[in-house]
Amino acid sequence: MAEPSGTVLVTSRSFGSGTRPYEEELTRAGLRVVRGSPVHDLAELKSALAEATAWIAGVAPITDAHLAAAPRLRIIARYGVGVDAVDLAAAARRGVTVTNTPGANSEAVADLAVVLLLAALRGVVPGDRRVRAGDWRPSRGHELGALTVGVVGLGRVGQGVARRLGGFGARVLACDPYVAAPEGIELADLATLARECHAVSLHAPGGSTLIDADWLARIRPGAVLVNTARADLVDEDAVARALRAGRLAAYATDTLAGEGHVGGALLDEDLADRVVVTPHIGAHTVEAVDRMGLGATTAVLDALSGRTPANVVTEQGDL
């Protein structure tokens, strides 16, 4: 096999920030590494794209216009799992391989989902604010083991969440038409989850709205909703209305529409005690960063050395 050569464009902020210096590994292999706009601003990236033979990319969109500006590009190594922001059809037309790192961050995201659920159930964030304001009055929450929790999507993350919930003693209902339920989990549809669950955690692919005004009108009063998947799974305006009406007790999320911008229906001050938001940190543990870095680095080195990388993604799914 040929020795790798060329330029690697890196637009993921956290690439190489774990315990292993993956950027140095690429350099030692004979590759030039350049950093570029994490939001994939085309004007800022044009000069780098013109030279890039490989692209280690984060979650920002990669369009046909980006690919047209990268005539030498051979591989896009998604630093993470989701590829919904990549124009896979355009990549295929231009002969660009797309890979991801499945499973690299599933444990980290599953941990965060349960953290958010517990924070919402026990009022951790508003409690912290009250104490800082001199108010030590306790609030009353719920024990996770006494509840029925719905899991939407039984991929790696969803199964990890279900496994953790089982450890707390919770009854777990899951909605996923494509998989068989693991032991200890009951399968149900979304309507049943709305009717029976005290809390629901979202782990489905993006692309369609699952949580809308109609679904929220059917939930158990005082339910909690958790989202560590995709913002577009949720009608945020409908969630805000359900929170104000008291139908939904809390919304805990690691993702919002218009991320990176101030404002939005769920960031209004009157909802501050009922909305818990983290800045898309689900995959950001040292361990997950190392695993994603290893997967992306290996894919780039394989592709530029003439080998077929692992975890190639097409419009039809993973190969």
C-alpha atoms as a PDB file:
ATOM      1  CA  MET A   1       0.000   0.000   0.000  1.00  0.00           C
ATOM      2  CA  ALA A   2       1.072   3.574  -0.676  1.00  0.00           C
ATOM      3  CA  GLU A   3       2.180   5.889   2.092  1.00  0.00           C
ATOM      4  CA  PRO A   4      -0.514   8.465   2.931  1.00  0.00           C
ATOM      5  CA  SER A   5       0.007  11.966   1.615  1.00  0.00           C
ATOM      6  CA  GLY A   6      -1.986  15.160   1.366  1.00  0.00           C
ATOM      7  CA  THR A   7      -3.761  17.687   3.571  1.00  0.00           C
ATOM      8  CA  VAL A   8      -6.243  16.880   6.325  1.00  0.00           C
ATOM      9  CA  LEU A   9      -8.789  19.578   7.135  1.00  0.00           C
ATOM     10  CA  VAL A  10     -10.032  19.362  10.735  1.00  0.00           C
ATOM     11  CA  THR A  11     -13.186  21.265  11.693  1.00  0.00           C
ATOM     12  CA  SER A  12     -14.127  19.396  14.858  1.00  0.00           C
ATOM     13  CA  ARG A  13     -13.318  21.517  17.892  1.00  0.00           C
ATOM     14  CA  SER A  14     -12.515  18.604  20.198  1.00  0.00           C
ATOM     15  CA  PHE A  15     -10.466  16.442  17.826  1.00  0.00           C
ATOM     16  CA  GLY A  16      -7.192  15.611  19.560  1.00  0.00           C
ATOM     17  CA  SER A  17      -8.243  17.094  22.909  1.00  0.00           C
ATOM     18  CA  GLY A  18      -8.319  13.772  24.777  1.00  0.00           C
ATOM     19  CA  THR A  19      -5.360  11.781  26.035  1.00  0.00           C
ATOM     20  CA  ARG A  20      -3.910  10.846  22.635  1.00  0.00           C
ATOM     21  CA  PRO A  21      -2.373  13.379  20.210  1.00  0.00           C
ATOM     22  CA  TYR A  22      -4.118  12.217  17.036  1.00  0.00           C
ATOM     23  CA  GLU A  23      -3.149  15.362  15.147  1.00  0.00           C
ATOM     24  CA  GLU A  24       0.496  14.488  15.760  1.00  0.00           C
ATOM     25  CA  GLU A  25      -0.148  10.943  14.521  1.00  0.00           C
ATOM     26  CA  LEU A  26      -1.443  12.333  11.231  1.00  0.00           C
ATOM     27  CA  THR A  27       1.582  14.620  10.944  1.00  0.00           C
ATOM     28  CA  ARG A  28       4.002  11.779  11.677  1.00  0.00           C
ATOM     29  CA  ALA A  29       2.343   9.792   8.904  1.00  0.00           C
ATOM     30  CA  GLY A  30       3.352  12.514   6.445  1.00  0.00           C
ATOM     31  CA  LEU A  31       0.101  14.455   6.312  1.00  0.00           C
ATOM     32  CA  ARG A  32      -0.356  18.198   6.657  1.00  0.00           C
ATOM     33  CA  VAL A  33      -3.085  19.143   9.147  1.00  0.00           C
ATOM     34  CA  VAL A  34      -4.995  22.430   8.963  1.00  0.00           C
ATOM     35  CA  ARG A  35      -7.787  23.649  11.211  1.00  0.00           C
ATOM     36  CA  GLY A  36     -10.899  25.329   9.837  1.00  0.00           C
ATOM     37  CA  SER A  37     -14.255  26.835  10.730  1.00  0.00           C
ATOM     38  CA  PRO A  38     -16.208  24.511  13.082  1.00  0.00           C
ATOM     39  CA  VAL A  39     -19.479  25.867  11.657  1.00  0.00           C
ATOM     40  CA  HIS A  40     -18.264  25.063   8.121  1.00  0.00           C
ATOM     41  CA  ASP A  41     -18.505  28.637   6.863  1.00  0.00           C
ATOM     42  CA  LEU A  42     -17.819  28.124   3.165  1.00  0.00           C
ATOM     43  CA  ALA A  43     -16.080  31.448   2.618  1.00  0.00           C
ATOM     44  CA  GLU A  44     -13.674  30.743   5.479  1.00  0.00           C
ATOM     45  CA  LEU A  45     -13.021  27.170   4.364  1.00  0.00           C
ATOM     46  CA  LYS A  46     -12.552  27.701   0.633  1.00  0.00           C
ATOM     47  CA  SER A  47      -8.772  27.883   0.584  1.00  0.00           C
ATOM     48  CA  ALA A  48      -8.421  24.874   2.899  1.00  0.00           C
ATOM     49  CA  LEU A  49     -10.997  22.860   0.937  1.00  0.00           C
ATOM     50  CA  ALA A  50      -9.109  23.515  -2.283  1.00  0.00           C
ATOM     51  CA  GLU A  51      -6.131  21.605  -0.860  1.00  0.00           C
ATOM     52  CA  ALA A  52      -7.848  19.045   1.370  1.00  0.00           C
ATOM     53  CA  THR A  53      -7.591  15.345   0.568  1.00  0.00           C
ATOM     54  CA  ALA A  54      -9.319  14.367   3.826  1.00  0.00           C
ATOM     55  CA  TRP A  55     -11.769  16.115   6.126  1.00  0.00           C
ATOM     56  CA  ILE A  56     -12.328  15.284   9.796  1.00  0.00           C
ATOM     57  CA  ALA A  57     -15.661  16.957  10.409  1.00  0.00           C
ATOM     58  CA  GLY A  58     -17.965  17.726  13.307  1.00  0.00           C
ATOM     59  CA  VAL A  59     -21.735  18.153  13.260  1.00  0.00           C
ATOM     60  CA  ALA A  60     -22.083  21.223  11.018  1.00  0.00           C
ATOM     61  CA  PRO A  61     -23.607  20.774   7.535  1.00  0.00           C
ATOM     62  CA  ILE A  62     -21.503  19.614   4.590  1.00  0.00           C
ATOM     63  CA  THR A  63     -23.256  20.511   1.348  1.00  0.00           C
ATOM     64  CA  ASP A  64     -22.622  19.979  -2.331  1.00  0.00           C
ATOM     65  CA  ALA A  65     -21.158  23.492  -2.403  1.00  0.00           C
ATOM     66  CA  HIS A  66     -18.519  22.455   0.133  1.00  0.00           C
ATOM     67  CA  LEU A  67     -17.703  19.368  -1.914  1.00  0.00           C
ATOM     68  CA  ALA A  68     -17.509  21.361  -5.138  1.00  0.00           C
ATOM     69  CA  ALA A  69     -14.847  23.512  -3.487  1.00  0.00           C
ATOM     70  CA  ALA A  70     -12.798  20.404  -2.606  1.00  0.00           C
ATOM     71  CA  PRO A  71     -11.701  18.774  -5.878  1.00  0.00           C
ATOM     72  CA  ARG A  72      -8.980  16.677  -4.191  1.00  0.00           C
ATOM     73  CA  LEU A  73     -11.140  15.390  -1.345  1.00  0.00           C
ATOM     74  CA  ARG A  74     -11.202  11.603  -0.924  1.00  0.00           C
ATOM     75  CA  ILE A  75     -12.749  11.078   2.503  1.00  0.00           C
ATOM     76  CA  ILE A  76     -14.988  12.816   5.028  1.00  0.00           C
ATOM     77  CA  ALA A  77     -14.390  11.191   8.404  1.00  0.00           C
ATOM     78  CA  ARG A  78     -17.289  12.216  10.638  1.00  0.00           C
ATOM     79  CA  TYR A  79     -15.985  12.739  14.134  1.00  0.00           C
ATOM     80  CA  GLY A  80     -19.043  11.174  15.726  1.00  0.00           C
ATOM     81  CA  VAL A  81     -22.009   9.102  14.646  1.00  0.00           C
ATOM     82  CA  GLY A  82     -24.687  11.162  12.886  1.00  0.00           C
ATOM     83  CA  VAL A  83     -24.267  11.836   9.174  1.00  0.00           C
ATOM     84  CA  ASP A  84     -27.601  13.576   8.596  1.00  0.00           C
ATOM     85  CA  ALA A  85     -25.760  16.881   8.058  1.00  0.00           C
ATOM     86  CA  VAL A  86     -23.665  15.414   5.214  1.00  0.00           C
ATOM     87  CA  ASP A  87     -24.992  15.450   1.646  1.00  0.00           C
ATOM     88  CA  LEU A  88     -24.326  11.762   1.077  1.00  0.00           C
ATOM     89  CA  ALA A  89     -25.687  11.796  -2.473  1.00  0.00           C
ATOM     90  CA  ALA A  90     -23.325  14.606  -3.460  1.00  0.00           C
ATOM     91  CA  ALA A  91     -20.412  12.809  -1.803  1.00  0.00           C
ATOM     92  CA  ALA A  92     -21.203   9.630  -3.739  1.00  0.00           C
ATOM     93  CA  ARG A  93     -21.428  11.535  -7.029  1.00  0.00           C
ATOM     94  CA  ARG A  94     -18.034  13.077  -6.421  1.00  0.00           C
ATOM     95  CA  GLY A  95     -16.397   9.843  -5.297  1.00  0.00           C
ATOM     96  CA  VAL A  96     -15.883  10.976  -1.709  1.00  0.00           C
ATOM     97  CA  THR A  97     -16.008   8.265   0.958  1.00  0.00           C
ATOM     98  CA  VAL A  98     -17.927   9.130   4.142  1.00  0.00           C
ATOM     99  CA  THR A  99     -17.248   7.343   7.438  1.00  0.00           C
ATOM    100  CA  ASN A 100     -18.400   7.729  11.022  1.00  0.00           C
ATOM    101  CA  THR A 101     -17.464   6.355  14.435  1.00  0.00           C
ATOM    102  CA  PRO A 102     -20.451   4.280  15.608  1.00  0.00           C
ATOM    103  CA  GLY A 103     -20.473   3.398  19.274  1.00  0.00           C
ATOM    104  CA  ALA A 104     -17.648   5.763  20.126  1.00  0.00           C
ATOM    105  CA  ASN A 105     -19.814   8.123  22.144  1.00  0.00           C
ATOM    106  CA  SER A 106     -22.814   5.958  23.045  1.00  0.00           C
ATOM    107  CA  GLU A 107     -21.815   5.404  26.679  1.00  0.00           C
ATOM    108  CA  ALA A 108     -21.127   9.104  27.167  1.00  0.00           C
ATOM    109  CA  VAL A 109     -24.491  10.144  25.712  1.00  0.00           C
ATOM    110  CA  ALA A 110     -26.355   7.487  27.697  1.00  0.00           C
ATOM    111  CA  ASP A 111     -24.733   8.765  30.896  1.00  0.00           C
ATOM    112  CA  LEU A 112     -25.807  12.327  30.126  1.00  0.00           C
ATOM    113  CA  ALA A 113     -29.383  11.308  29.335  1.00  0.00           C
ATOM    114  CA  VAL A 114     -29.763   9.789  32.794  1.00  0.00           C
ATOM    115  CA  VAL A 115     -28.028  12.784  34.396  1.00  0.00           C
ATOM    116  CA  LEU A 116     -30.511  15.130  32.707  1.00  0.00           C
ATOM    117  CA  LEU A 117     -33.443  12.951  33.709  1.00  0.00           C
ATOM    118  CA  LEU A 118     -32.366  12.882  37.354  1.00  0.00           C
ATOM    119  CA  ALA A 119     -31.680  16.629  37.343  1.00  0.00           C
ATOM    120  CA  ALA A 120     -35.196  17.267  36.036  1.00  0.00           C
ATOM    121  CA  LEU A 121     -36.877  14.832  38.431  1.00  0.00           C
ATOM    122  CA  ARG A 122     -35.121  16.285  41.491  1.00  0.00           C
ATOM    123  CA  GLY A 123     -35.108  19.971  40.503  1.00  0.00           C
ATOM    124  CA  VAL A 124     -31.324  20.187  40.737  1.00  0.00           C
ATOM    125  CA  VAL A 125     -30.844  23.306  38.594  1.00  0.00           C
ATOM    126  CA  PRO A 126     -33.599  25.477  40.128  1.00  0.00           C
ATOM    127  CA  GLY A 127     -32.514  24.237  43.568  1.00  0.00           C
ATOM    128  CA  ASP A 128     -28.987  25.464  42.920  1.00  0.00           C
ATOM    129  CA  ARG A 129     -30.309  28.861  41.848  1.00  0.00           C
ATOM    130  CA  ARG A 130     -32.509  29.171  44.942  1.00  0.00           C
ATOM    131  CA  VAL A 131     -29.669  28.376  47.334  1.00  0.00           C
ATOM    132  CA  ARG A 132     -27.432  30.971  45.680  1.00  0.00           C
ATOM    133  CA  ALA A 133     -30.238  33.489  46.225  1.00  0.00           C
ATOM    134  CA  GLY A 134     -30.437  32.560  49.922  1.00  0.00           C
ATOM    135  CA  ASP A 135     -33.556  30.381  49.654  1.00  0.00           C
ATOM    136  CA  TRP A 136     -32.983  26.978  51.274  1.00  0.00           C
ATOM    137  CA  ARG A 137     -36.544  25.683  51.038  1.00  0.00           C
ATOM    138  CA  PRO A 138     -36.482  22.112  49.644  1.00  0.00           C
ATOM    139  CA  SER A 139     -38.487  20.973  46.651  1.00  0.00           C
ATOM    140  CA  ARG A 140     -40.116  17.561  46.353  1.00  0.00           C
ATOM    141  CA  GLY A 141     -39.004  15.283  43.508  1.00  0.00           C
ATOM    142  CA  HIS A 142     -39.427  11.688  42.391  1.00  0.00           C
ATOM    143  CA  GLU A 143     -37.406   8.486  42.767  1.00  0.00           C
ATOM    144  CA  LEU A 144     -36.399   7.096  39.386  1.00  0.00           C
ATOM    145  CA  GLY A 145     -36.948   3.515  40.495  1.00  0.00           C
ATOM    146  CA  ALA A 146     -40.627   4.204  41.173  1.00  0.00           C
ATOM    147  CA  LEU A 147     -41.341   5.451  37.652  1.00  0.00           C
ATOM    148  CA  THR A 148     -42.132   4.152  34.185  1.00  0.00           C
ATOM    149  CA  VAL A 149     -39.714   5.639  31.656  1.00  0.00           C
ATOM    150  CA  GLY A 150     -40.070   5.567  27.882  1.00  0.00           C
ATOM    151  CA  VAL A 151     -37.074   5.244  25.567  1.00  0.00           C
ATOM    152  CA  VAL A 152     -37.614   6.297  21.951  1.00  0.00           C
ATOM    153  CA  GLY A 153     -35.025   4.535  19.798  1.00  0.00           C
ATOM    154  CA  LEU A 154     -33.148   1.377  20.786  1.00  0.00           C
ATOM    155  CA  GLY A 155     -29.837   1.957  19.082  1.00  0.00           C
ATOM    156  CA  ARG A 156     -26.606   1.870  21.054  1.00  0.00           C
ATOM    157  CA  VAL A 157     -27.482   4.961  23.088  1.00  0.00           C
ATOM    158  CA  GLY A 158     -31.095   3.971  23.696  1.00  0.00           C
ATOM    159  CA  GLN A 159     -30.088   0.516  24.876  1.00  0.00           C
ATOM    160  CA  GLY A 160     -27.455   2.057  27.123  1.00  0.00           C
ATOM    161  CA  VAL A 161     -30.065   4.333  28.677  1.00  0.00           C
ATOM    162  CA  ALA A 162     -32.486   1.428  29.144  1.00  0.00           C
ATOM    163  CA  ARG A 163     -29.738  -0.594  30.831  1.00  0.00           C
ATOM    164  CA  ARG A 164     -28.994   2.252  33.226  1.00  0.00           C
ATOM    165  CA  LEU A 165     -32.680   2.775  33.996  1.00  0.00           C
ATOM    166  CA  GLY A 166     -32.978  -0.909  34.822  1.00  0.00           C
ATOM    167  CA  GLY A 167     -30.215  -0.467  37.358  1.00  0.00           C
ATOM    168  CA  PHE A 168     -32.361   2.108  39.139  1.00  0.00           C
ATOM    169  CA  GLY A 169     -35.309  -0.278  39.144  1.00  0.00           C
ATOM    170  CA  ALA A 170     -37.441   1.730  36.724  1.00  0.00           C
ATOM    171  CA  ARG A 171     -39.957   0.068  34.430  1.00  0.00           C
ATOM    172  CA  VAL A 172     -38.785   0.690  30.859  1.00  0.00           C
ATOM    173  CA  LEU A 173     -41.035   0.974  27.806  1.00  0.00           C
ATOM    174  CA  ALA A 174     -39.335   1.389  24.435  1.00  0.00           C
ATOM    175  CA  CYS A 175     -40.533   2.557  21.045  1.00  0.00           C
ATOM    176  CA  ASP A 176     -38.542   1.297  18.057  1.00  0.00           C
ATOM    177  CA  PRO A 177     -40.167  -0.459  15.075  1.00  0.00           C
ATOM    178  CA  TYR A 178     -36.873  -1.845  13.795  1.00  0.00           C
ATOM    179  CA  VAL A 179     -35.463  -3.884  16.679  1.00  0.00           C
ATOM    180  CA  ALA A 180     -36.509  -6.607  19.077  1.00  0.00           C
ATOM    181  CA  ALA A 181     -36.730  -5.564  22.697  1.00  0.00           C
ATOM    182  CA  PRO A 182     -33.840  -6.685  24.906  1.00  0.00           C
ATOM    183  CA  GLU A 183     -34.716  -8.615  28.042  1.00  0.00           C
ATOM    184  CA  GLY A 184     -36.454  -6.505  30.647  1.00  0.00           C
ATOM    185  CA  ILE A 185     -37.789  -3.926  28.183  1.00  0.00           C
ATOM    186  CA  GLU A 186     -41.359  -3.736  26.905  1.00  0.00           C
ATOM    187  CA  LEU A 187     -42.039  -2.505  23.366  1.00  0.00           C
ATOM    188  CA  ALA A 188     -44.828   0.037  22.865  1.00  0.00           C
ATOM    189  CA  ASP A 189     -45.852   2.772  20.447  1.00  0.00           C
ATOM    190  CA  LEU A 190     -45.478   6.510  21.019  1.00  0.00           C
ATOM    191  CA  ALA A 191     -49.113   6.858  22.057  1.00  0.00           C
ATOM    192  CA  THR A 192     -48.615   4.281  24.799  1.00  0.00           C
ATOM    193  CA  LEU A 193     -45.473   6.034  25.995  1.00  0.00           C
ATOM    194  CA  ALA A 194     -47.421   9.287  26.232  1.00  0.00           C
ATOM    195  CA  ARG A 195     -50.181   7.625  28.212  1.00  0.00           C
ATOM    196  CA  GLU A 196     -48.132   5.477  30.609  1.00  0.00           C
ATOM    197  CA  CYS A 197     -44.708   7.059  31.104  1.00  0.00           C
ATOM    198  CA  HIS A 198     -43.684   9.489  33.808  1.00  0.00           C
ATOM    199  CA  ALA A 199     -40.674  10.426  31.674  1.00  0.00           C
ATOM    200  CA  VAL A 200     -39.600   9.903  28.056  1.00  0.00           C
ATOM    201  CA  SER A 201     -36.032  10.021  26.690  1.00  0.00           C
ATOM    202  CA  LEU A 202     -35.397  10.565  22.971  1.00  0.00           C
ATOM    203  CA  HIS A 203     -32.708   8.581  21.123  1.00  0.00           C
ATOM    204  CA  ALA A 204     -34.044   8.430  17.565  1.00  0.00           C
ATOM    205  CA  PRO A 205     -32.427   9.733  14.363  1.00  0.00           C
ATOM    206  CA  GLY A 206     -33.386  13.253  13.352  1.00  0.00           C
ATOM    207  CA  GLY A 207     -35.327  14.294  10.294  1.00  0.00           C
ATOM    208  CA  SER A 208     -38.920  14.242  11.524  1.00  0.00           C
ATOM    209  CA  THR A 209     -40.829  15.727  14.440  1.00  0.00           C
ATOM    210  CA  LEU A 210     -41.964  13.069  16.914  1.00  0.00           C
ATOM    211  CA  ILE A 211     -42.925  15.314  19.827  1.00  0.00           C
ATOM    212  CA  ASP A 212     -45.641  17.746  18.747  1.00  0.00           C
ATOM    213  CA  ALA A 213     -48.652  19.465  20.291  1.00  0.00           C
ATOM    214  CA  ASP A 214     -50.877  16.437  19.715  1.00  0.00           C
ATOM    215  CA  TRP A 215     -48.484  14.054  21.488  1.00  0.00           C
ATOM    216  CA  LEU A 216     -47.935  16.493  24.337  1.00  0.00           C
ATOM    217  CA  ALA A 217     -51.689  16.809  24.829  1.00  0.00           C
ATOM    218  CA  ARG A 218     -51.817  13.075  25.592  1.00  0.00           C
ATOM    219  CA  ILE A 219     -48.948  12.779  28.069  1.00  0.00           C
ATOM    220  CA  ARG A 220     -49.364  12.076  31.751  1.00  0.00           C
ATOM    221  CA  PRO A 221     -49.695  15.422  33.539  1.00  0.00           C
ATOM    222  CA  GLY A 222     -46.361  16.312  35.096  1.00  0.00           C
ATOM    223  CA  ALA A 223     -44.237  14.158  32.783  1.00  0.00           C
ATOM    224  CA  VAL A 224     -40.588  14.893  32.022  1.00  0.00           C
ATOM    225  CA  LEU A 225     -39.056  14.909  28.522  1.00  0.00           C
ATOM    226  CA  VAL A 226     -35.338  14.359  27.828  1.00  0.00           C
ATOM    227  CA  ASN A 227     -33.596  14.896  24.477  1.00  0.00           C
ATOM    228  CA  THR A 228     -29.953  14.001  23.836  1.00  0.00           C
ATOM    229  CA  ALA A 229     -30.578  13.138  20.180  1.00  0.00           C
ATOM    230  CA  ARG A 230     -31.673  15.810  17.688  1.00  0.00           C
ATOM    231  CA  ALA A 231     -33.448  19.142  18.138  1.00  0.00           C
ATOM    232  CA  ASP A 232     -35.756  18.540  15.172  1.00  0.00           C
ATOM    233  CA  LEU A 233     -37.402  15.606  16.953  1.00  0.00           C
ATOM    234  CA  VAL A 234     -39.218  18.179  19.075  1.00  0.00           C
ATOM    235  CA  ASP A 235     -41.586  21.049  18.295  1.00  0.00           C
ATOM    236  CA  GLU A 236     -39.971  23.487  20.716  1.00  0.00           C
ATOM    237  CA  ASP A 237     -42.854  25.974  20.618  1.00  0.00           C
ATOM    238  CA  ALA A 238     -45.275  23.181  21.550  1.00  0.00           C
ATOM    239  CA  VAL A 239     -42.965  22.083  24.374  1.00  0.00           C
ATOM    240  CA  ALA A 240     -42.825  25.653  25.701  1.00  0.00           C
ATOM    241  CA  ARG A 241     -46.626  25.839  25.692  1.00  0.00           C
ATOM    242  CA  ALA A 242     -46.901  22.484  27.479  1.00  0.00           C
ATOM    243  CA  LEU A 243     -44.436  23.663  30.137  1.00  0.00           C
ATOM    244  CA  ARG A 244     -46.326  26.902  30.728  1.00  0.00           C
ATOM    245  CA  ALA A 245     -49.608  25.021  30.940  1.00  0.00           C
ATOM    246  CA  GLY A 246     -48.147  22.643  33.519  1.00  0.00           C
ATOM    247  CA  ARG A 247     -48.817  19.636  31.317  1.00  0.00           C
ATOM    248  CA  LEU A 248     -45.068  18.972  31.038  1.00  0.00           C
ATOM    249  CA  ALA A 249     -43.131  19.329  34.282  1.00  0.00           C
ATOM    250  CA  ALA A 250     -39.668  19.706  32.759  1.00  0.00           C
ATOM    251  CA  TYR A 251     -37.689  19.500  29.531  1.00  0.00           C
ATOM    252  CA  ALA A 252     -34.030  18.506  29.796  1.00  0.00           C
ATOM    253  CA  THR A 253     -32.032  18.693  26.588  1.00  0.00           C
ATOM    254  CA  ASP A 254     -28.534  18.624  25.147  1.00  0.00           C
ATOM    255  CA  THR A 255     -29.686  20.067  21.827  1.00  0.00           C
ATOM    256  CA  LEU A 256     -31.721  23.073  20.694  1.00  0.00           C
ATOM    257  CA  ALA A 257     -32.807  24.437  17.338  1.00  0.00           C
ATOM    258  CA  GLY A 258     -30.472  27.238  16.295  1.00  0.00           C
ATOM    259  CA  GLU A 259     -27.602  26.029  18.463  1.00  0.00           C
ATOM    260  CA  GLY A 260     -24.914  28.617  18.971  1.00  0.00           C
ATOM    261  CA  HIS A 261     -27.373  31.516  18.939  1.00  0.00           C
ATOM    262  CA  VAL A 262     -28.914  33.309  21.904  1.00  0.00           C
ATOM    263  CA  GLY A 263     -32.662  33.036  22.360  1.00  0.00           C
ATOM    264  CA  GLY A 264     -35.362  30.602  21.388  1.00  0.00           C
ATOM    265  CA  ALA A 265     -38.719  29.491  22.732  1.00  0.00           C
ATOM    266  CA  LEU A 266     -37.208  27.362  25.488  1.00  0.00           C
ATOM    267  CA  LEU A 267     -34.711  29.903  26.806  1.00  0.00           C
ATOM    268  CA  ASP A 268     -37.265  32.439  28.039  1.00  0.00           C
ATOM    269  CA  GLU A 269     -36.666  33.434  31.645  1.00  0.00           C
ATOM    270  CA  ASP A 270     -40.084  32.275  32.835  1.00  0.00           C
ATOM    271  CA  LEU A 271     -39.136  28.702  31.858  1.00  0.00           C
ATOM    272  CA  ALA A 272     -35.726  28.718  33.542  1.00  0.00           C
ATOM    273  CA  ASP A 273     -36.848  26.483  36.420  1.00  0.00           C
ATOM    274  CA  ARG A 274     -38.388  23.894  34.091  1.00  0.00           C
ATOM    275  CA  VAL A 275     -35.859  23.711  31.251  1.00  0.00           C
ATOM    276  CA  VAL A 276     -32.395  22.200  31.724  1.00  0.00           C
ATOM    277  CA  VAL A 277     -30.056  22.841  28.783  1.00  0.00           C
ATOM    278  CA  THR A 278     -26.504  21.637  28.216  1.00  0.00           C
ATOM    279  CA  PRO A 279     -24.359  22.882  25.293  1.00  0.00           C
ATOM    280  CA  HIS A 280     -24.326  19.681  23.202  1.00  0.00           C
ATOM    281  CA  ILE A 281     -21.882  17.936  25.535  1.00  0.00           C
ATOM    282  CA  GLY A 282     -23.245  14.405  25.171  1.00  0.00           C
ATOM    283  CA  ALA A 283     -20.192  13.089  23.346  1.00  0.00           C
ATOM    284  CA  HIS A 284     -17.684  15.217  25.214  1.00  0.00           C
ATOM    285  CA  THR A 285     -15.969  12.919  27.654  1.00  0.00           C
ATOM    286  CA  VAL A 286     -12.259  12.182  27.565  1.00  0.00           C
ATOM    287  CA  GLU A 287     -13.002   8.556  26.750  1.00  0.00           C
ATOM    288  CA  ALA A 288     -15.444   9.320  23.928  1.00  0.00           C
ATOM    289  CA  VAL A 289     -13.139  11.961  22.450  1.00  0.00           C
ATOM    290  CA  ASP A 290     -10.334   9.390  22.348  1.00  0.00           C
ATOM    291  CA  ARG A 291     -12.547   6.775  20.690  1.00  0.00           C
ATOM    292  CA  MET A 292     -13.874   9.224  18.099  1.00  0.00           C
ATOM    293  CA  GLY A 293     -10.368  10.492  17.432  1.00  0.00           C
ATOM    294  CA  LEU A 294      -9.071   6.968  16.916  1.00  0.00           C
ATOM    295  CA  GLY A 295     -11.905   6.112  14.532  1.00  0.00           C
ATOM    296  CA  ALA A 296     -11.528   9.267  12.445  1.00  0.00           C
ATOM    297  CA  THR A 297      -7.725   9.104  12.341  1.00  0.00           C
ATOM    298  CA  THR A 298      -7.703   5.439  11.333  1.00  0.00           C
ATOM    299  CA  ALA A 299     -10.275   6.078   8.599  1.00  0.00           C
ATOM    300  CA  VAL A 300      -8.215   8.915   7.128  1.00  0.00           C
ATOM    301  CA  LEU A 301      -4.960   6.943   7.202  1.00  0.00           C
ATOM    302  CA  ASP A 302      -6.651   3.932   5.602  1.00  0.00           C
ATOM    303  CA  ALA A 303      -8.336   5.939   2.850  1.00  0.00           C
ATOM    304  CA  LEU A 304      -5.218   7.906   1.951  1.00  0.00           C
ATOM    305  CA  SER A 305      -3.118   4.717   1.946  1.00  0.00           C
ATOM    306  CA  GLY A 306      -5.407   2.950  -0.518  1.00  0.00           C
ATOM    307  CA  ARG A 307      -7.214   0.779   2.033  1.00  0.00           C
ATOM    308  CA  THR A 308     -10.983   0.668   2.481  1.00  0.00           C
ATOM    309  CA  PRO A 309     -11.760   2.297   5.827  1.00  0.00           C
ATOM    310  CA  ALA A 310     -14.163   0.831   8.356  1.00  0.00           C
ATOM    311  CA  ASN A 311     -17.638   2.253   8.944  1.00  0.00           C
ATOM    312  CA  VAL A 312     -18.292   3.604   5.458  1.00  0.00           C
ATOM    313  CA  VAL A 313     -21.712   5.278   5.251  1.00  0.00           C
ATOM    314  CA  THR A 314     -23.852   5.558   2.114  1.00  0.00           C
ATOM    315  CA  GLU A 315     -27.380   6.791   1.394  1.00  0.00           C
ATOM    316  CA  GLN A 316     -28.514   3.209   1.983  1.00  0.00           C
ATOM    317  CA  GLY A 317     -26.847   3.044   5.396  1.00  0.00           C
ATOM    318  CA  ASP A 318     -23.607   1.711   6.843  1.00  0.00           C
ATOM    319  CA  LEU A 319     -21.608  -0.752   4.738  1.00  0.00           C
END
